[in-house]
Amino acid sequence: MIIEKNETISIKRQCELLDLPRRSYYYEPKNESDENLELMRLLDEIYLEHPYYGYRKMTAVLRRKGFHVNEKRIYRLMKLMGIEAIYPKKRKNSKSKEHTIYPYLLRDRIIQQVNEVWSSDITYLPISGGFFYLTAVMDVFSRFVLSWQISNSMDTSFCIEVSPRYHNWQKTA
């Protein structure tokens, strides 16, 4: 936004108008050294073979190869390259403000007979090219599958159709 060869407004004044420190205008970023570029190439090779290595293990591998490096340097280069170790990370359970939390009504209930409590669940089955969705309704006491349905899309009609009452299901004892 600053015009270098402006005869009416100086660079100093242009920087003031833009609320930009003059040193930011004159700053020229330094490029990475040849040694760091070589280290980055090696880090990339190691990462392709062992994506689960973090900066500590990468430092150890490079030291075994004869490079005199410290962990802070390798950490900075890995961060600059946008690579990090692949490992199971801590899960964050974030609750939505709009989500209603329903009480668990079966906490103190002892289930003693068939058809006292039913449960339902939806899961997906991976196949080549996509997923199938499976919905099942089970009797909690007997663990008998009362009804189930498979669909290639997870819509509400597919979930409603699986209900045993929808199929006029009768108890077979």
N, C-alpha and C. Protein backbone atom coordinates (compact mmCIF):
# COMPACT_ATOMS: atom_id res chain seq x y z
N MET A 1 0.81 -1.19 0.00
CA MET A 1 0.00 0.00 0.00
C MET A 1 0.86 1.26 0.00
N ILE A 2 2.13 1.09 0.32
CA ILE A 2 3.02 2.25 0.35
C ILE A 2 3.63 2.44 -1.02
N ILE A 3 3.57 3.67 -1.50
CA ILE A 3 4.13 4.00 -2.81
C ILE A 3 5.52 4.57 -2.56
N GLU A 4 6.56 3.90 -3.09
CA GLU A 4 7.94 4.30 -2.82
C GLU A 4 8.29 5.65 -3.42
N LYS A 5 7.91 5.90 -4.66
CA LYS A 5 8.32 7.13 -5.36
C LYS A 5 7.17 8.12 -5.43
N ASN A 6 6.62 8.43 -4.27
CA ASN A 6 5.55 9.42 -4.19
C ASN A 6 6.19 10.76 -3.82
N GLU A 7 6.04 11.76 -4.67
CA GLU A 7 6.70 13.05 -4.46
C GLU A 7 5.97 13.92 -3.43
N THR A 8 4.69 13.66 -3.18
CA THR A 8 3.93 14.51 -2.27
C THR A 8 3.96 14.02 -0.82
N ILE A 9 3.94 12.70 -0.61
CA ILE A 9 3.92 12.15 0.75
C ILE A 9 5.15 11.26 0.95
N SER A 10 5.88 11.52 1.99
CA SER A 10 7.08 10.72 2.27
C SER A 10 6.69 9.34 2.79
N ILE A 11 7.66 8.44 2.78
CA ILE A 11 7.44 7.08 3.28
C ILE A 11 7.12 7.14 4.77
N LYS A 12 7.80 8.02 5.49
CA LYS A 12 7.55 8.17 6.92
C LYS A 12 6.08 8.54 7.16
N ARG A 13 5.56 9.50 6.40
CA ARG A 13 4.18 9.94 6.56
C ARG A 13 3.19 8.86 6.14
N GLN A 14 3.50 8.12 5.06
CA GLN A 14 2.64 7.03 4.62
C GLN A 14 2.53 5.95 5.70
N CYS A 15 3.66 5.66 6.35
CA CYS A 15 3.66 4.68 7.43
C CYS A 15 2.81 5.17 8.60
N GLU A 16 2.90 6.47 8.91
CA GLU A 16 2.09 7.03 9.99
C GLU A 16 0.61 6.94 9.65
N LEU A 17 0.23 7.24 8.42
CA LEU A 17 -1.17 7.19 8.01
C LEU A 17 -1.72 5.75 8.06
N LEU A 18 -0.86 4.79 7.75
CA LEU A 18 -1.29 3.39 7.77
C LEU A 18 -1.14 2.75 9.15
N ASP A 19 -0.61 3.53 10.11
CA ASP A 19 -0.35 3.02 11.47
C ASP A 19 0.57 1.79 11.40
N LEU A 20 1.64 1.94 10.63
CA LEU A 20 2.61 0.88 10.40
C LEU A 20 3.99 1.37 10.84
N PRO A 21 4.66 0.63 11.71
CA PRO A 21 6.02 1.05 12.08
C PRO A 21 6.93 1.04 10.85
N ARG A 22 7.79 2.03 10.76
CA ARG A 22 8.66 2.13 9.59
C ARG A 22 9.60 0.94 9.47
N ARG A 23 10.02 0.39 10.60
CA ARG A 23 10.93 -0.77 10.54
C ARG A 23 10.25 -1.96 9.87
N SER A 24 8.90 -2.05 9.98
CA SER A 24 8.18 -3.13 9.30
C SER A 24 8.24 -2.95 7.79
N TYR A 25 8.23 -1.71 7.35
CA TYR A 25 8.31 -1.44 5.92
C TYR A 25 9.68 -1.83 5.36
N TYR A 26 10.74 -1.53 6.10
CA TYR A 26 12.09 -1.79 5.62
C TYR A 26 12.58 -3.21 5.92
N TYR A 27 11.83 -3.96 6.69
CA TYR A 27 12.27 -5.31 7.08
C TYR A 27 12.32 -6.25 5.89
N GLU A 28 13.41 -6.97 5.75
CA GLU A 28 13.54 -8.00 4.73
C GLU A 28 13.73 -9.34 5.43
N PRO A 29 12.77 -10.27 5.26
CA PRO A 29 12.88 -11.55 5.96
C PRO A 29 14.09 -12.34 5.49
N LYS A 30 14.72 -13.03 6.44
CA LYS A 30 15.87 -13.86 6.11
C LYS A 30 15.40 -15.22 5.61
N ASN A 31 16.09 -15.76 4.65
CA ASN A 31 15.79 -17.10 4.17
C ASN A 31 16.47 -18.11 5.08
N GLU A 32 15.98 -19.34 5.05
CA GLU A 32 16.60 -20.41 5.83
C GLU A 32 17.98 -20.69 5.27
N SER A 33 18.89 -21.06 6.17
CA SER A 33 20.26 -21.38 5.74
C SER A 33 20.26 -22.69 4.97
N ASP A 34 21.34 -22.92 4.24
CA ASP A 34 21.47 -24.16 3.47
C ASP A 34 21.46 -25.37 4.40
N GLU A 35 22.06 -25.21 5.58
CA GLU A 35 22.09 -26.31 6.54
C GLU A 35 20.67 -26.64 7.02
N ASN A 36 19.87 -25.61 7.29
CA ASN A 36 18.49 -25.85 7.71
C ASN A 36 17.66 -26.47 6.59
N LEU A 37 17.91 -26.05 5.36
CA LEU A 37 17.19 -26.65 4.23
C LEU A 37 17.55 -28.13 4.08
N GLU A 38 18.81 -28.47 4.30
CA GLU A 38 19.24 -29.87 4.26
C GLU A 38 18.57 -30.65 5.40
N LEU A 39 18.52 -30.06 6.59
CA LEU A 39 17.86 -30.72 7.71
C LEU A 39 16.37 -30.92 7.42
N MET A 40 15.75 -29.93 6.81
CA MET A 40 14.33 -30.05 6.49
C MET A 40 14.09 -31.16 5.47
N ARG A 41 14.99 -31.31 4.51
CA ARG A 41 14.87 -32.40 3.54
C ARG A 41 14.98 -33.75 4.24
N LEU A 42 15.93 -33.87 5.17
CA LEU A 42 16.10 -35.11 5.93
C LEU A 42 14.90 -35.38 6.83
N LEU A 43 14.40 -34.33 7.47
CA LEU A 43 13.22 -34.49 8.31
C LEU A 43 12.04 -35.01 7.50
N ASP A 44 11.89 -34.51 6.29
CA ASP A 44 10.81 -34.96 5.42
C ASP A 44 10.97 -36.43 5.07
N GLU A 45 12.19 -36.85 4.76
CA GLU A 45 12.45 -38.27 4.44
C GLU A 45 12.13 -39.16 5.63
N ILE A 46 12.60 -38.74 6.81
CA ILE A 46 12.37 -39.54 8.02
C ILE A 46 10.88 -39.59 8.33
N TYR A 47 10.20 -38.46 8.17
CA TYR A 47 8.77 -38.39 8.47
C TYR A 47 7.96 -39.29 7.55
N LEU A 48 8.37 -39.40 6.28
CA LEU A 48 7.65 -40.28 5.35
C LEU A 48 7.76 -41.75 5.77
N GLU A 49 8.90 -42.12 6.33
CA GLU A 49 9.08 -43.50 6.79
C GLU A 49 8.48 -43.73 8.17
N HIS A 50 8.56 -42.72 9.05
CA HIS A 50 8.11 -42.86 10.43
C HIS A 50 7.29 -41.64 10.84
N PRO A 51 6.02 -41.56 10.42
CA PRO A 51 5.22 -40.38 10.73
C PRO A 51 4.87 -40.24 12.21
N TYR A 52 5.16 -41.25 13.00
CA TYR A 52 4.86 -41.21 14.43
C TYR A 52 6.03 -40.68 15.24
N TYR A 53 7.15 -40.31 14.62
CA TYR A 53 8.28 -39.71 15.33
C TYR A 53 7.99 -38.25 15.63
N GLY A 54 8.22 -37.86 16.88
CA GLY A 54 8.11 -36.47 17.27
C GLY A 54 9.46 -35.79 17.15
N TYR A 55 9.55 -34.56 17.64
CA TYR A 55 10.78 -33.80 17.47
C TYR A 55 11.93 -34.40 18.29
N ARG A 56 11.63 -35.05 19.41
CA ARG A 56 12.70 -35.65 20.21
C ARG A 56 13.33 -36.84 19.48
N LYS A 57 12.48 -37.69 18.93
CA LYS A 57 12.99 -38.87 18.20
C LYS A 57 13.69 -38.43 16.92
N MET A 58 13.15 -37.41 16.24
CA MET A 58 13.80 -36.88 15.03
C MET A 58 15.19 -36.35 15.37
N THR A 59 15.31 -35.66 16.50
CA THR A 59 16.61 -35.13 16.92
C THR A 59 17.58 -36.28 17.15
N ALA A 60 17.12 -37.34 17.81
CA ALA A 60 17.98 -38.50 18.07
C ALA A 60 18.44 -39.15 16.78
N VAL A 61 17.53 -39.29 15.81
CA VAL A 61 17.89 -39.91 14.53
C VAL A 61 18.93 -39.06 13.80
N LEU A 62 18.72 -37.74 13.78
CA LEU A 62 19.68 -36.86 13.10
C LEU A 62 21.04 -36.85 13.80
N ARG A 63 21.04 -36.94 15.12
CA ARG A 63 22.31 -37.01 15.85
C ARG A 63 23.06 -38.29 15.51
N ARG A 64 22.31 -39.41 15.37
CA ARG A 64 22.95 -40.68 14.97
C ARG A 64 23.55 -40.60 13.57
N LYS A 65 22.96 -39.73 12.74
CA LYS A 65 23.48 -39.55 11.38
C LYS A 65 24.64 -38.56 11.35
N GLY A 66 25.01 -38.01 12.51
CA GLY A 66 26.18 -37.15 12.58
C GLY A 66 25.91 -35.65 12.58
N PHE A 67 24.66 -35.24 12.69
CA PHE A 67 24.34 -33.81 12.72
C PHE A 67 24.34 -33.32 14.16
N HIS A 68 24.89 -32.14 14.39
CA HIS A 68 24.89 -31.54 15.72
C HIS A 68 23.70 -30.59 15.80
N VAL A 69 22.57 -31.11 16.29
CA VAL A 69 21.33 -30.33 16.37
C VAL A 69 20.75 -30.46 17.77
N ASN A 70 19.93 -29.49 18.14
CA ASN A 70 19.22 -29.60 19.41
C ASN A 70 17.71 -29.69 19.16
N GLU A 71 16.98 -30.06 20.20
CA GLU A 71 15.55 -30.29 20.06
C GLU A 71 14.78 -29.04 19.66
N LYS A 72 15.21 -27.88 20.18
CA LYS A 72 14.50 -26.63 19.87
C LYS A 72 14.55 -26.33 18.37
N ARG A 73 15.69 -26.59 17.77
CA ARG A 73 15.84 -26.32 16.33
C ARG A 73 14.96 -27.25 15.51
N ILE A 74 14.99 -28.54 15.86
CA ILE A 74 14.18 -29.52 15.13
C ILE A 74 12.69 -29.22 15.34
N TYR A 75 12.30 -28.85 16.55
CA TYR A 75 10.91 -28.48 16.82
C TYR A 75 10.49 -27.31 15.94
N ARG A 76 11.34 -26.28 15.85
CA ARG A 76 11.03 -25.09 15.04
C ARG A 76 10.91 -25.46 13.57
N LEU A 77 11.83 -26.30 13.07
CA LEU A 77 11.79 -26.68 11.66
C LEU A 77 10.57 -27.54 11.35
N MET A 78 10.23 -28.46 12.25
CA MET A 78 9.05 -29.29 12.02
C MET A 78 7.78 -28.43 12.02
N LYS A 79 7.74 -27.46 12.93
CA LYS A 79 6.58 -26.56 12.98
C LYS A 79 6.50 -25.72 11.71
N LEU A 80 7.66 -25.26 11.23
CA LEU A 80 7.73 -24.48 9.99
C LEU A 80 7.26 -25.31 8.79
N MET A 81 7.61 -26.60 8.80
CA MET A 81 7.21 -27.49 7.71
C MET A 81 5.76 -27.96 7.83
N GLY A 82 5.18 -27.78 9.01
CA GLY A 82 3.80 -28.19 9.22
C GLY A 82 3.65 -29.68 9.45
N ILE A 83 4.69 -30.32 10.00
CA ILE A 83 4.58 -31.75 10.29
C ILE A 83 4.62 -31.96 11.80
N GLU A 84 3.87 -32.96 12.25
CA GLU A 84 3.87 -33.33 13.65
C GLU A 84 3.63 -34.83 13.74
N ALA A 85 4.03 -35.39 14.86
CA ALA A 85 3.89 -36.84 15.04
C ALA A 85 2.43 -37.24 15.01
N ILE A 86 2.17 -38.38 14.39
CA ILE A 86 0.81 -38.92 14.34
C ILE A 86 0.68 -39.90 15.50
N TYR A 87 -0.22 -39.61 16.42
CA TYR A 87 -0.48 -40.46 17.58
C TYR A 87 -1.88 -40.15 18.08
N PRO A 88 -2.46 -41.04 18.88
CA PRO A 88 -3.79 -40.77 19.41
C PRO A 88 -3.75 -39.56 20.33
N LYS A 89 -4.50 -38.55 19.99
CA LYS A 89 -4.50 -37.31 20.75
C LYS A 89 -5.64 -37.31 21.75
N LYS A 90 -5.55 -36.45 22.74
CA LYS A 90 -6.58 -36.33 23.76
C LYS A 90 -7.87 -35.85 23.11
N ARG A 91 -8.95 -36.54 23.41
CA ARG A 91 -10.24 -36.17 22.83
C ARG A 91 -10.83 -35.01 23.58
N LYS A 92 -11.45 -34.12 22.84
CA LYS A 92 -12.11 -32.97 23.44
C LYS A 92 -13.62 -33.16 23.27
N ASN A 93 -14.28 -33.37 24.37
CA ASN A 93 -15.73 -33.49 24.33
C ASN A 93 -16.32 -32.12 24.57
N SER A 94 -16.67 -31.46 23.51
CA SER A 94 -17.25 -30.13 23.65
C SER A 94 -18.76 -30.24 23.48
N LYS A 95 -19.47 -29.73 24.46
CA LYS A 95 -20.92 -29.79 24.43
C LYS A 95 -21.47 -28.56 23.73
N SER A 96 -22.44 -28.79 22.89
CA SER A 96 -23.11 -27.69 22.21
C SER A 96 -24.09 -27.03 23.17
N LYS A 97 -24.18 -25.73 23.12
CA LYS A 97 -25.09 -24.99 23.99
C LYS A 97 -26.56 -25.33 23.69
N GLU A 98 -26.86 -25.62 22.42
CA GLU A 98 -28.24 -25.89 22.02
C GLU A 98 -28.66 -27.33 22.34
N HIS A 99 -27.69 -28.21 22.60
CA HIS A 99 -27.99 -29.62 22.81
C HIS A 99 -28.65 -29.84 24.17
N THR A 100 -29.80 -30.50 24.15
CA THR A 100 -30.51 -30.80 25.39
C THR A 100 -29.92 -32.07 25.99
N ILE A 101 -29.63 -32.04 27.29
CA ILE A 101 -29.12 -33.22 27.98
C ILE A 101 -30.30 -33.86 28.69
N TYR A 102 -30.61 -35.11 28.29
CA TYR A 102 -31.73 -35.82 28.88
C TYR A 102 -31.26 -36.66 30.05
N PRO A 103 -32.08 -36.79 31.09
CA PRO A 103 -31.66 -37.61 32.24
C PRO A 103 -31.69 -39.09 31.88
N TYR A 104 -30.83 -39.86 32.53
CA TYR A 104 -30.79 -41.31 32.32
C TYR A 104 -31.82 -41.93 33.25
N LEU A 105 -32.92 -42.40 32.69
CA LEU A 105 -34.07 -42.85 33.48
C LEU A 105 -33.93 -44.27 34.01
N LEU A 106 -32.96 -45.02 33.53
CA LEU A 106 -32.82 -46.41 33.95
C LEU A 106 -31.75 -46.61 35.02
N ARG A 107 -31.23 -45.55 35.58
CA ARG A 107 -30.10 -45.65 36.51
C ARG A 107 -30.39 -46.59 37.69
N ASP A 108 -31.51 -46.42 38.36
CA ASP A 108 -31.81 -47.22 39.55
C ASP A 108 -32.83 -48.33 39.27
N ARG A 109 -33.14 -48.56 38.02
CA ARG A 109 -34.15 -49.55 37.67
C ARG A 109 -33.52 -50.92 37.48
N ILE A 110 -34.14 -51.94 38.05
CA ILE A 110 -33.69 -53.32 37.87
C ILE A 110 -34.61 -53.95 36.83
N ILE A 111 -34.03 -54.37 35.71
CA ILE A 111 -34.81 -54.94 34.60
C ILE A 111 -34.96 -56.43 34.87
N GLN A 112 -36.24 -56.90 35.00
CA GLN A 112 -36.48 -58.28 35.43
C GLN A 112 -37.25 -59.13 34.44
N GLN A 113 -37.74 -58.55 33.34
CA GLN A 113 -38.51 -59.36 32.41
C GLN A 113 -38.37 -58.83 30.98
N VAL A 114 -38.78 -59.68 30.04
CA VAL A 114 -38.74 -59.35 28.63
C VAL A 114 -39.73 -58.22 28.35
N ASN A 115 -39.41 -57.38 27.38
CA ASN A 115 -40.25 -56.25 26.93
C ASN A 115 -40.43 -55.16 27.97
N GLU A 116 -39.59 -55.14 28.98
CA GLU A 116 -39.66 -54.07 29.96
C GLU A 116 -38.91 -52.84 29.45
N VAL A 117 -37.74 -53.06 28.81
CA VAL A 117 -36.93 -51.97 28.27
C VAL A 117 -36.37 -52.39 26.91
N TRP A 118 -36.56 -51.52 25.93
CA TRP A 118 -35.95 -51.71 24.62
C TRP A 118 -34.87 -50.65 24.43
N SER A 119 -33.88 -50.98 23.61
CA SER A 119 -32.87 -49.98 23.27
C SER A 119 -32.69 -49.97 21.75
N SER A 120 -32.21 -48.86 21.26
CA SER A 120 -31.99 -48.71 19.82
C SER A 120 -30.63 -48.09 19.60
N ASP A 121 -30.01 -48.43 18.49
CA ASP A 121 -28.71 -47.87 18.17
C ASP A 121 -28.55 -47.79 16.66
N ILE A 122 -27.76 -46.84 16.24
CA ILE A 122 -27.41 -46.67 14.83
C ILE A 122 -25.90 -46.77 14.72
N THR A 123 -25.42 -47.52 13.75
CA THR A 123 -23.99 -47.59 13.50
C THR A 123 -23.77 -47.63 12.00
N TYR A 124 -22.53 -47.44 11.59
CA TYR A 124 -22.24 -47.49 10.16
C TYR A 124 -21.33 -48.67 9.88
N LEU A 125 -21.50 -49.21 8.69
CA LEU A 125 -20.68 -50.33 8.23
C LEU A 125 -19.90 -49.86 7.01
N PRO A 126 -18.57 -49.75 7.12
CA PRO A 126 -17.79 -49.27 5.98
C PRO A 126 -17.73 -50.33 4.88
N ILE A 127 -17.92 -49.90 3.66
CA ILE A 127 -17.78 -50.74 2.48
C ILE A 127 -16.95 -49.96 1.47
N SER A 128 -16.51 -50.62 0.43
CA SER A 128 -15.73 -49.91 -0.58
C SER A 128 -16.62 -48.87 -1.25
N GLY A 129 -16.21 -47.63 -1.19
CA GLY A 129 -16.95 -46.56 -1.83
C GLY A 129 -17.96 -45.86 -0.93
N GLY A 130 -18.05 -46.22 0.34
CA GLY A 130 -19.00 -45.51 1.19
C GLY A 130 -19.33 -46.26 2.46
N PHE A 131 -20.60 -46.08 2.92
CA PHE A 131 -21.06 -46.68 4.15
C PHE A 131 -22.47 -47.20 3.99
N PHE A 132 -22.79 -48.21 4.79
CA PHE A 132 -24.17 -48.60 5.02
C PHE A 132 -24.47 -48.29 6.47
N TYR A 133 -25.70 -47.93 6.76
CA TYR A 133 -26.09 -47.61 8.12
C TYR A 133 -27.01 -48.70 8.63
N LEU A 134 -26.75 -49.18 9.82
CA LEU A 134 -27.53 -50.25 10.45
C LEU A 134 -28.20 -49.69 11.69
N THR A 135 -29.52 -49.86 11.77
CA THR A 135 -30.27 -49.50 12.97
C THR A 135 -30.89 -50.77 13.52
N ALA A 136 -30.77 -50.96 14.83
CA ALA A 136 -31.33 -52.16 15.46
C ALA A 136 -32.07 -51.75 16.72
N VAL A 137 -33.14 -52.51 17.02
CA VAL A 137 -33.89 -52.36 18.26
C VAL A 137 -33.77 -53.69 19.00
N MET A 138 -33.33 -53.62 20.27
CA MET A 138 -33.11 -54.83 21.06
C MET A 138 -33.89 -54.77 22.36
N ASP A 139 -34.26 -55.94 22.86
CA ASP A 139 -34.80 -56.06 24.20
C ASP A 139 -33.61 -56.14 25.15
N VAL A 140 -33.58 -55.27 26.15
CA VAL A 140 -32.42 -55.18 27.03
C VAL A 140 -32.28 -56.43 27.91
N PHE A 141 -33.39 -56.98 28.38
CA PHE A 141 -33.32 -58.13 29.29
C PHE A 141 -32.82 -59.38 28.57
N SER A 142 -33.44 -59.73 27.43
CA SER A 142 -33.08 -60.95 26.72
C SER A 142 -31.97 -60.76 25.69
N ARG A 143 -31.67 -59.52 25.37
CA ARG A 143 -30.69 -59.15 24.34
C ARG A 143 -31.10 -59.69 22.96
N PHE A 144 -32.39 -59.84 22.76
CA PHE A 144 -32.94 -60.32 21.51
C PHE A 144 -33.12 -59.13 20.56
N VAL A 145 -32.69 -59.29 19.32
CA VAL A 145 -32.85 -58.23 18.33
C VAL A 145 -34.30 -58.30 17.84
N LEU A 146 -35.05 -57.28 18.16
CA LEU A 146 -36.46 -57.24 17.79
C LEU A 146 -36.65 -56.84 16.34
N SER A 147 -35.84 -55.91 15.87
CA SER A 147 -35.96 -55.42 14.51
C SER A 147 -34.66 -54.75 14.10
N TRP A 148 -34.38 -54.80 12.81
CA TRP A 148 -33.19 -54.12 12.30
C TRP A 148 -33.43 -53.72 10.86
N GLN A 149 -32.66 -52.75 10.40
CA GLN A 149 -32.79 -52.26 9.03
C GLN A 149 -31.45 -51.71 8.57
N ILE A 150 -31.16 -51.89 7.30
CA ILE A 150 -29.94 -51.35 6.69
C ILE A 150 -30.36 -50.34 5.63
N SER A 151 -29.62 -49.24 5.55
CA SER A 151 -29.90 -48.20 4.56
C SER A 151 -28.59 -47.62 4.07
N ASN A 152 -28.60 -47.04 2.86
CA ASN A 152 -27.40 -46.38 2.36
C ASN A 152 -27.40 -44.89 2.67
N SER A 153 -28.46 -44.39 3.32
CA SER A 153 -28.50 -43.00 3.77
C SER A 153 -29.12 -42.98 5.16
N MET A 154 -28.65 -42.05 5.97
CA MET A 154 -29.16 -41.98 7.34
C MET A 154 -30.23 -40.90 7.42
N ASP A 155 -31.45 -41.29 7.08
CA ASP A 155 -32.55 -40.34 7.17
C ASP A 155 -33.55 -40.82 8.23
N THR A 156 -34.47 -39.97 8.61
CA THR A 156 -35.36 -40.29 9.72
C THR A 156 -36.34 -41.42 9.38
N SER A 157 -36.77 -41.51 8.13
CA SER A 157 -37.74 -42.56 7.77
C SER A 157 -37.14 -43.94 7.99
N PHE A 158 -35.90 -44.11 7.70
CA PHE A 158 -35.22 -45.39 7.89
C PHE A 158 -35.16 -45.75 9.38
N CYS A 159 -35.00 -44.76 10.24
CA CYS A 159 -34.95 -45.01 11.68
C CYS A 159 -36.34 -45.33 12.24
N ILE A 160 -37.37 -44.71 11.70
CA ILE A 160 -38.73 -44.95 12.16
C ILE A 160 -39.22 -46.32 11.70
N GLU A 161 -38.87 -46.72 10.48
CA GLU A 161 -39.31 -48.00 9.94
C GLU A 161 -38.77 -49.19 10.71
N VAL A 162 -37.67 -49.03 11.40
CA VAL A 162 -37.07 -50.14 12.13
C VAL A 162 -37.81 -50.44 13.44
N SER A 163 -38.68 -49.53 13.87
CA SER A 163 -39.41 -49.72 15.12
C SER A 163 -40.28 -50.97 15.04
N PRO A 164 -40.19 -51.86 16.04
CA PRO A 164 -41.02 -53.08 16.02
C PRO A 164 -42.51 -52.76 16.03
N ARG A 165 -42.93 -51.68 16.68
CA ARG A 165 -44.34 -51.31 16.69
C ARG A 165 -44.81 -50.91 15.28
N TYR A 166 -43.93 -50.35 14.49
CA TYR A 166 -44.25 -49.95 13.13
C TYR A 166 -44.58 -51.17 12.29
N HIS A 167 -43.92 -52.30 12.58
CA HIS A 167 -44.13 -53.54 11.84
C HIS A 167 -45.20 -54.43 12.47
N ASN A 168 -45.93 -53.89 13.45
CA ASN A 168 -46.94 -54.68 14.18
C ASN A 168 -46.33 -55.95 14.73
N TRP A 169 -45.17 -55.78 15.35
CA TRP A 169 -44.44 -56.91 15.89
C TRP A 169 -45.18 -57.50 17.08
N GLN A 170 -45.28 -58.82 17.14
CA GLN A 170 -45.96 -59.49 18.23
C GLN A 170 -44.95 -60.26 19.05
N LYS A 171 -45.17 -60.33 20.35
CA LYS A 171 -44.29 -61.06 21.24
C LYS A 171 -44.42 -62.56 20.95
N THR A 172 -43.27 -63.18 20.71
CA THR A 172 -43.29 -64.63 20.48
C THR A 172 -42.63 -65.28 21.70
N ALA A 173 -43.45 -65.93 22.52
CA ALA A 173 -42.92 -66.49 23.77
C ALA A 173 -42.90 -67.97 23.72
